Protein backbone atom coordinates (compact mmCIF):
# COMPACT_ATOMS: atom_id res chain seq x y z
CA MET A 1 -5.55 -22.06 18.39
CA GLY A 2 -7.68 -23.88 15.40
CA LYS A 3 -10.43 -21.57 16.77
CA ASP A 4 -8.39 -18.50 16.60
CA ILE A 5 -7.51 -19.21 12.74
CA PHE A 6 -10.96 -20.02 12.08
CA LYS A 7 -12.21 -17.14 14.03
CA LYS A 8 -9.84 -14.57 12.19
CA ILE A 9 -10.38 -16.37 8.62
CA LEU A 10 -14.55 -15.43 9.47
CA GLN A 11 -13.30 -12.06 9.85
CA PHE A 12 -11.52 -12.26 6.73
CA ILE A 13 -13.82 -13.29 4.64
CA THR A 14 -17.09 -10.60 6.19
CA VAL A 15 -14.32 -8.00 5.77
CA ILE A 16 -13.81 -8.89 1.88
CA PHE A 17 -17.56 -9.06 1.68
CA LEU A 18 -18.48 -5.87 3.05
CA LEU A 19 -15.84 -3.97 1.01
CA SER A 20 -17.16 -6.00 -2.61
CA PHE A 21 -20.24 -4.91 -1.56
CA ILE A 22 -19.77 -1.13 -0.48
CA VAL A 23 -18.00 -0.98 -3.55
CA PHE A 24 -20.33 -2.67 -6.00
CA TYR A 25 -22.90 0.12 -5.10
CA MET A 26 -20.59 3.53 -4.66
CA ALA A 27 -19.29 2.73 -8.21
CA ARG A 28 -22.26 2.02 -9.76
CA LEU A 29 -23.84 5.13 -7.76
CA ALA A 30 -21.49 7.47 -8.47
CA PRO A 31 -22.44 9.95 -11.47
CA GLY A 32 -21.08 9.32 -15.12
CA ASP A 33 -21.91 6.93 -17.93
CA PRO A 34 -19.71 3.48 -17.87
CA LEU A 35 -21.16 3.01 -21.38
CA ILE A 36 -18.52 6.13 -22.51
CA SER A 37 -15.19 3.66 -20.91
CA TYR A 38 -16.24 0.87 -23.77
CA TYR A 39 -17.90 3.06 -27.21
CA GLY A 40 -15.99 6.29 -25.97
CA GLU A 41 -17.76 8.95 -27.62
CA GLY A 42 -20.22 7.04 -30.21
CA VAL A 43 -22.28 6.90 -27.20
CA GLU A 44 -23.65 10.36 -27.96
CA ARG A 45 -24.58 9.17 -30.90
CA MET A 46 -26.41 6.54 -29.61
CA SER A 47 -30.17 6.23 -29.74
CA SER A 48 -32.45 5.30 -27.08
CA LYS A 49 -32.92 1.80 -28.71
CA GLU A 50 -29.11 0.79 -29.13
CA ARG A 51 -28.14 2.89 -25.40
CA GLU A 52 -30.59 0.01 -24.06
CA ASN A 53 -28.75 -3.16 -26.10
CA ALA A 54 -25.64 -1.19 -24.83
CA MET A 55 -26.55 -1.50 -21.24
CA GLN A 56 -28.12 -5.02 -21.77
CA LYS A 57 -24.85 -5.92 -23.00
CA LEU A 58 -22.42 -4.65 -20.32
CA GLY A 59 -24.94 -6.16 -17.55
CA LEU A 60 -26.27 -2.71 -16.43
CA ASP A 61 -29.79 -2.90 -17.49
CA GLU A 62 -31.14 -4.91 -13.88
CA PRO A 63 -30.54 -3.71 -10.62
CA ILE A 64 -27.83 -2.98 -8.81
CA TYR A 65 -28.69 -5.79 -6.03
CA ALA A 66 -29.42 -8.42 -9.26
CA GLN A 67 -26.04 -7.32 -10.90
CA TYR A 68 -24.07 -7.85 -7.35
CA ILE A 69 -25.69 -11.29 -6.89
CA LYS A 70 -24.49 -12.45 -10.84
CA TRP A 71 -21.18 -11.17 -9.91
CA MET A 72 -21.05 -13.07 -6.51
CA LYS A 73 -21.93 -16.31 -8.13
CA LYS A 74 -19.61 -16.08 -10.83
CA ALA A 75 -16.43 -14.53 -8.72
CA PRO A 76 -15.71 -17.49 -6.60
CA THR A 77 -14.68 -19.61 -10.59
CA GLY A 78 -12.56 -16.52 -10.84
CA ASP A 79 -15.02 -15.12 -13.71
CA PHE A 80 -14.86 -11.60 -12.32
CA GLY A 81 -16.09 -9.96 -15.46
CA ILE A 82 -14.67 -7.84 -18.11
CA SER A 83 -12.47 -4.01 -18.28
CA PHE A 84 -14.65 -1.96 -19.93
CA LYS A 85 -12.34 0.11 -21.46
CA TYR A 86 -9.95 -2.60 -22.69
CA LYS A 87 -12.14 -4.83 -23.45
CA GLN A 88 -10.20 -7.92 -22.17
CA ASP A 89 -10.79 -10.10 -18.89
CA VAL A 90 -9.91 -7.90 -16.04
CA ILE A 91 -7.32 -10.31 -14.52
CA THR A 92 -5.52 -10.68 -17.92
CA VAL A 93 -5.26 -6.55 -17.95
CA ILE A 94 -4.31 -7.10 -14.05
CA GLY A 95 -2.10 -9.72 -14.74
CA ASP A 96 0.08 -7.49 -17.48
CA VAL A 97 0.96 -4.85 -15.00
CA TYR A 98 0.77 -5.95 -11.48
CA ILE A 99 4.26 -7.35 -11.52
CA ASN A 100 5.15 -3.83 -11.60
CA THR A 101 3.63 -2.30 -8.48
CA ILE A 102 5.37 -5.63 -6.18
CA ILE A 103 8.73 -4.04 -7.78
CA LEU A 104 8.40 -0.71 -6.94
CA GLY A 105 5.42 -0.63 -3.96
CA GLY A 106 7.75 -3.83 -2.49
CA LEU A 107 11.39 -2.10 -2.46
CA GLY A 108 9.74 0.88 -1.01
CA TYR A 109 8.13 -1.01 1.07
CA ILE A 110 11.08 -2.66 2.45
CA LEU A 111 13.57 0.04 1.86
CA THR A 112 11.62 2.37 3.85
CA PHE A 113 11.33 0.52 6.82
CA MET A 114 15.22 -0.56 6.49
CA LEU A 115 16.45 3.25 6.70
CA SER A 116 13.70 4.69 8.99
CA LEU A 117 15.05 2.27 11.86
CA LEU A 118 18.34 2.81 11.02
CA LEU A 119 17.82 6.74 11.37
CA GLY A 120 15.65 5.94 14.28
CA ILE A 121 17.85 4.41 16.13
CA PHE A 122 20.88 7.01 14.42
CA CYS A 123 18.99 9.92 16.33
CA THR A 124 17.61 8.03 19.56
CA ILE A 125 21.77 7.33 20.18
CA HIS A 126 23.09 11.43 19.30
CA GLU A 127 19.46 12.04 21.46
CA ASP A 128 19.08 16.41 21.75
CA LYS A 129 22.68 16.71 19.83
CA PHE A 130 22.78 18.83 16.74
CA ILE A 131 22.68 16.05 14.71
CA ASP A 132 19.38 14.84 16.10
CA LYS A 133 17.93 18.11 15.73
CA ALA A 134 18.93 18.67 12.25
CA ILE A 135 17.52 15.25 10.96
CA CYS A 136 14.75 16.40 13.09
CA LYS A 137 13.78 19.55 11.12
CA LEU A 138 14.74 18.50 7.76
CA GLY A 139 12.92 15.28 8.36
CA THR A 140 9.05 17.07 9.34
CA ILE A 141 10.15 19.77 6.18
CA THR A 142 10.50 16.73 4.06
CA ASN A 143 7.81 14.53 5.40
CA CYS A 144 5.04 17.96 4.36
CA ILE A 145 6.01 18.15 1.14
CA PRO A 146 3.49 16.72 -1.46
CA SER A 147 5.38 14.06 -3.24
CA PHE A 148 3.84 14.95 -6.40
CA TRP A 149 5.33 18.31 -6.31
CA VAL A 150 8.79 16.64 -5.24
CA SER A 151 8.36 14.01 -8.62
CA LEU A 152 8.47 17.09 -10.98
CA VAL A 153 11.43 18.73 -9.23
CA LEU A 154 13.02 15.52 -9.52
CA ILE A 155 11.69 15.03 -13.45
CA LEU A 156 12.73 18.60 -13.93
CA ILE A 157 16.71 18.24 -12.76
CA PHE A 158 17.33 14.92 -13.89
CA SER A 159 15.39 13.64 -16.56
CA ILE A 160 14.83 17.13 -18.36
CA ASN A 161 18.03 19.73 -17.22
CA LEU A 162 20.68 16.82 -16.51
CA ASN A 163 18.76 13.96 -18.87
CA LEU A 164 20.65 11.55 -16.39
CA LEU A 165 17.44 9.19 -15.63
CA PRO A 166 14.27 8.30 -17.52
CA SER A 167 10.89 10.26 -16.66
CA SER A 168 8.07 7.63 -17.33
CA GLY A 169 7.37 4.19 -17.77
CA ALA A 170 8.50 0.48 -15.98
CA TYR A 171 11.01 0.11 -18.75
CA SER A 172 12.39 1.57 -22.46
CA MET A 173 10.70 0.31 -25.35
CA GLY A 174 11.27 -3.53 -26.06
CA GLN A 175 13.75 -3.55 -23.20
CA ASP A 176 11.40 -5.11 -20.59
CA GLY A 177 14.08 -7.80 -20.36
CA ASN A 178 16.61 -5.46 -19.23
CA PHE A 179 17.81 -5.42 -15.77
CA LEU A 180 19.71 -2.14 -15.84
CA ASP A 181 17.39 -0.42 -17.59
CA ARG A 182 14.28 -2.04 -15.25
CA ILE A 183 16.64 -0.40 -12.33
CA GLY A 184 16.97 3.22 -14.09
CA HIS A 185 13.24 3.80 -14.24
CA LEU A 186 12.71 2.57 -10.64
CA ILE A 187 15.12 5.01 -8.93
CA LEU A 188 13.28 8.12 -9.23
CA PRO A 189 10.04 7.06 -8.34
CA LEU A 190 11.93 5.44 -5.48
CA ILE A 191 13.56 8.17 -4.37
CA VAL A 192 10.11 10.12 -3.93
CA LEU A 193 7.95 6.81 -2.12
CA ILE A 194 10.88 6.35 0.14
CA LEU A 195 11.06 10.37 0.75
CA SER A 196 7.45 10.58 1.54
CA HIS A 197 7.16 8.44 3.88
CA LEU A 198 10.71 7.75 5.48
CA TRP A 199 11.07 10.19 8.53
CA TYR A 200 7.13 9.17 9.53
CA TYR A 201 8.00 6.36 10.34
CA ALA A 202 11.68 6.93 11.29
CA TYR A 203 10.14 9.51 13.75
CA MET A 204 7.50 6.99 15.27
CA ILE A 205 10.76 4.13 16.12
CA ARG A 206 12.63 7.44 17.38
CA ASN A 207 10.04 8.03 19.69
CA LYS A 208 9.15 4.38 20.71
CA LEU A 209 13.32 3.79 21.53
CA LEU A 210 13.67 6.84 23.88
CA GLU A 211 10.44 5.96 25.93
CA GLU A 212 12.33 2.31 26.28
CA VAL A 213 15.53 4.26 27.08
CA ARG A 214 13.54 5.68 30.17
CA GLU A 215 12.80 2.94 30.92
CA ASP A 216 13.92 1.29 34.81
CA TYR A 217 15.78 -1.46 33.23
CA VAL A 218 17.91 0.47 30.92
CA LEU A 219 19.12 2.56 34.44
CA LEU A 220 20.40 -0.82 35.75
CA CYS A 221 22.05 -1.74 32.40
CA LYS A 222 23.99 1.59 33.14
CA ALA A 223 24.99 0.90 36.67
CA LYS A 224 26.43 -2.82 34.80
CA GLY A 225 28.70 -0.31 33.05
CA LEU A 226 26.50 -1.53 29.28
CA SER A 227 26.97 1.91 26.82
CA LYS A 228 23.71 3.41 25.15
CA LYS A 229 24.62 2.09 22.43
CA ALA A 230 24.75 -1.78 23.58
CA ILE A 231 21.30 -1.26 25.77
CA ILE A 232 19.43 -0.31 22.51
CA TYR A 233 20.24 -2.77 20.41
CA LYS A 234 20.72 -5.43 22.89
CA HIS A 235 17.71 -4.77 24.65
CA CYS A 236 15.19 -1.53 23.82
CA LEU A 237 15.62 -2.80 19.86
CA ARG A 238 14.01 -5.84 20.65
CA ASN A 239 11.59 -4.57 23.01
CA ILE A 240 9.70 -2.42 20.29
CA MET A 241 10.25 -4.93 18.24
CA PRO A 242 6.14 -5.73 18.43
CA SER A 243 5.45 -2.31 17.98
CA TYR A 244 7.68 -1.80 14.61
CA ILE A 245 6.04 -5.24 13.08
CA SER A 246 2.16 -3.69 13.83
CA ILE A 247 3.50 -0.82 12.45
CA MET A 248 4.76 -2.51 8.92
CA ALA A 249 1.44 -3.87 8.89
CA ILE A 250 -0.94 -0.42 9.44
CA SER A 251 1.39 0.56 7.27
CA ILE A 252 0.57 -1.33 3.82
CA PRO A 253 -2.15 1.01 3.33
CA HIS A 254 -0.33 3.95 3.59
CA ILE A 255 3.07 2.47 1.34
CA LEU A 256 0.37 1.43 -1.22
CA GLY A 257 -1.08 4.63 -1.29
CA GLY A 258 1.81 6.28 -2.40
CA THR A 259 2.92 3.70 -4.69
CA TYR A 260 -0.49 4.40 -6.68
CA VAL A 261 0.20 8.63 -6.72
CA VAL A 262 4.25 7.65 -7.60
CA GLU A 263 2.69 5.41 -10.18
CA GLN A 264 0.31 8.11 -12.25
CA VAL A 265 3.07 10.84 -12.25
CA PHE A 266 5.32 9.13 -13.49
CA SER A 267 3.37 7.64 -16.26
CA TYR A 268 4.63 4.13 -14.07
CA PRO A 269 2.54 1.08 -15.52
CA GLY A 270 1.22 -0.69 -12.70
CA ILE A 271 -2.32 -1.74 -10.10
CA GLY A 272 -1.85 2.34 -9.26
CA SER A 273 -2.29 3.86 -13.01
CA LEU A 274 -5.49 0.78 -13.57
CA CYS A 275 -6.96 1.91 -9.99
CA PHE A 276 -6.76 6.00 -11.39
CA GLU A 277 -8.18 4.94 -14.88
CA SER A 278 -10.54 2.35 -13.77
CA ALA A 279 -12.02 5.40 -11.52
CA LYS A 280 -11.68 7.86 -13.92
CA TYR A 281 -13.95 6.03 -16.97
CA HIS A 282 -16.17 3.81 -14.63
CA ASP A 283 -14.91 0.55 -15.55
CA TYR A 284 -17.07 -1.04 -12.67
CA ASN A 285 -15.11 -4.65 -13.00
CA MET A 286 -11.59 -3.22 -12.83
CA LEU A 287 -12.25 -0.91 -9.89
CA LEU A 288 -13.92 -3.59 -8.14
CA VAL A 289 -11.48 -6.66 -8.49
CA LEU A 290 -8.45 -3.44 -7.62
CA CYS A 291 -10.45 -2.57 -4.47
CA LEU A 292 -10.73 -6.18 -3.19
CA ILE A 293 -6.73 -6.94 -4.02
CA THR A 294 -5.63 -3.69 -2.30
CA GLY A 295 -8.23 -4.73 0.93
CA VAL A 296 -6.98 -8.12 0.87
CA LEU A 297 -3.21 -6.88 0.92
CA VAL A 298 -4.39 -4.43 4.11
CA VAL A 299 -6.29 -6.73 6.32
CA PHE A 300 -3.83 -9.83 5.42
CA GLY A 301 -0.69 -7.40 6.93
CA ASN A 302 -3.06 -6.84 10.05
CA MET A 303 -4.16 -9.97 10.66
CA LEU A 304 -0.83 -11.29 10.42
CA ALA A 305 1.27 -8.56 12.40
CA GLN A 306 -1.43 -9.33 15.57
CA VAL A 307 -0.54 -13.43 14.49
CA ILE A 308 3.21 -12.69 15.00
CA ASN A 309 3.12 -10.12 17.78
CA ASN A 310 1.13 -12.45 20.08
CA HIS A 311 3.82 -14.87 19.39
CA ILE A 312 7.30 -12.70 19.46
CA ASP A 313 5.66 -10.73 22.47
CA PRO A 314 6.12 -13.09 25.42
CA ARG A 315 3.46 -10.38 27.21
CA MET A 316 0.66 -11.08 24.96
CA ARG A 317 1.19 -14.80 25.30
CA TYR A 318 1.26 -14.70 29.24
CA ASN A 319 -1.38 -12.38 29.45
CA ARG A 320 -3.66 -14.90 27.24
CA GLY A 321 -6.23 -17.34 29.26
CA ASP A 322 -6.30 -21.32 27.84
CA ASN A 323 -9.52 -20.33 25.62
CA GLY A 324 -7.53 -17.66 23.16
CA GLU A 325 -8.96 -14.94 25.21
CA ALA A 326 -7.15 -12.04 26.93
CA THR A 327 -7.26 -12.12 31.14
CA MET A 328 -7.47 -9.28 32.80
């Protein structure tokens, strides 16, 4: 067990290190002038000497490998540099908005998988009936519609025409502590986030359940007089839970990416908005930290799913040797 944990920690550190190295180099090799982010249009009026001093001030005058080594020395202490655009410490800027992304992304993640599980079960119970076929066709259509287009349509209907819901922001001016106001600003982004992922995962769950329904043990259950609903809830659903958890873990980058897009469309102040801004303005330090945060969530989610699967799926436990390696 200890060896297994140590191996996973080592893998985690290696992946994050490689991610930081790749993002660091790619960001600095990408075309664009990072000085514009810090100095604005004044960069165009700078002399060669002034530009050289500006590069030195931001630590961009050294070779990329030297910049990376310097960054690596400071990172373990919590010093990730300053944001060129906001002229503040990167962690301070992220600390002001990360809670908004956690609220939106977290709620979207939970509701998406709760609803997709219920929808998948419902379609399995009513397999090949009219309601199942109708949901499958409707789900396929909604899954093909770009989320930014759905966002614009909802804004047009509910914000502009009906004036029922706000079209941007996380809360109204001076209402950051107002719970109802926060909920009002979350409704449209959540609808878009859920709709853009719901059927994709519901369809996967439906297919997994249908595979279980066709197993031999289901025939035995039917012979004993159990109804289709009872078989699905008591047996099939339990057997697909490891796969369901794996899907949930693997979906983290998918849901997170969708959250970032929704934040941008609805001008929702969160990590997604910061990602777009940092890429647009070549805010290297901000972009690197945001990529690392995303990478940590993705890697940790996948590893956590693997550990949970090993504990809840007897087939995985019984197929492992004493040394932790899978047996043939």
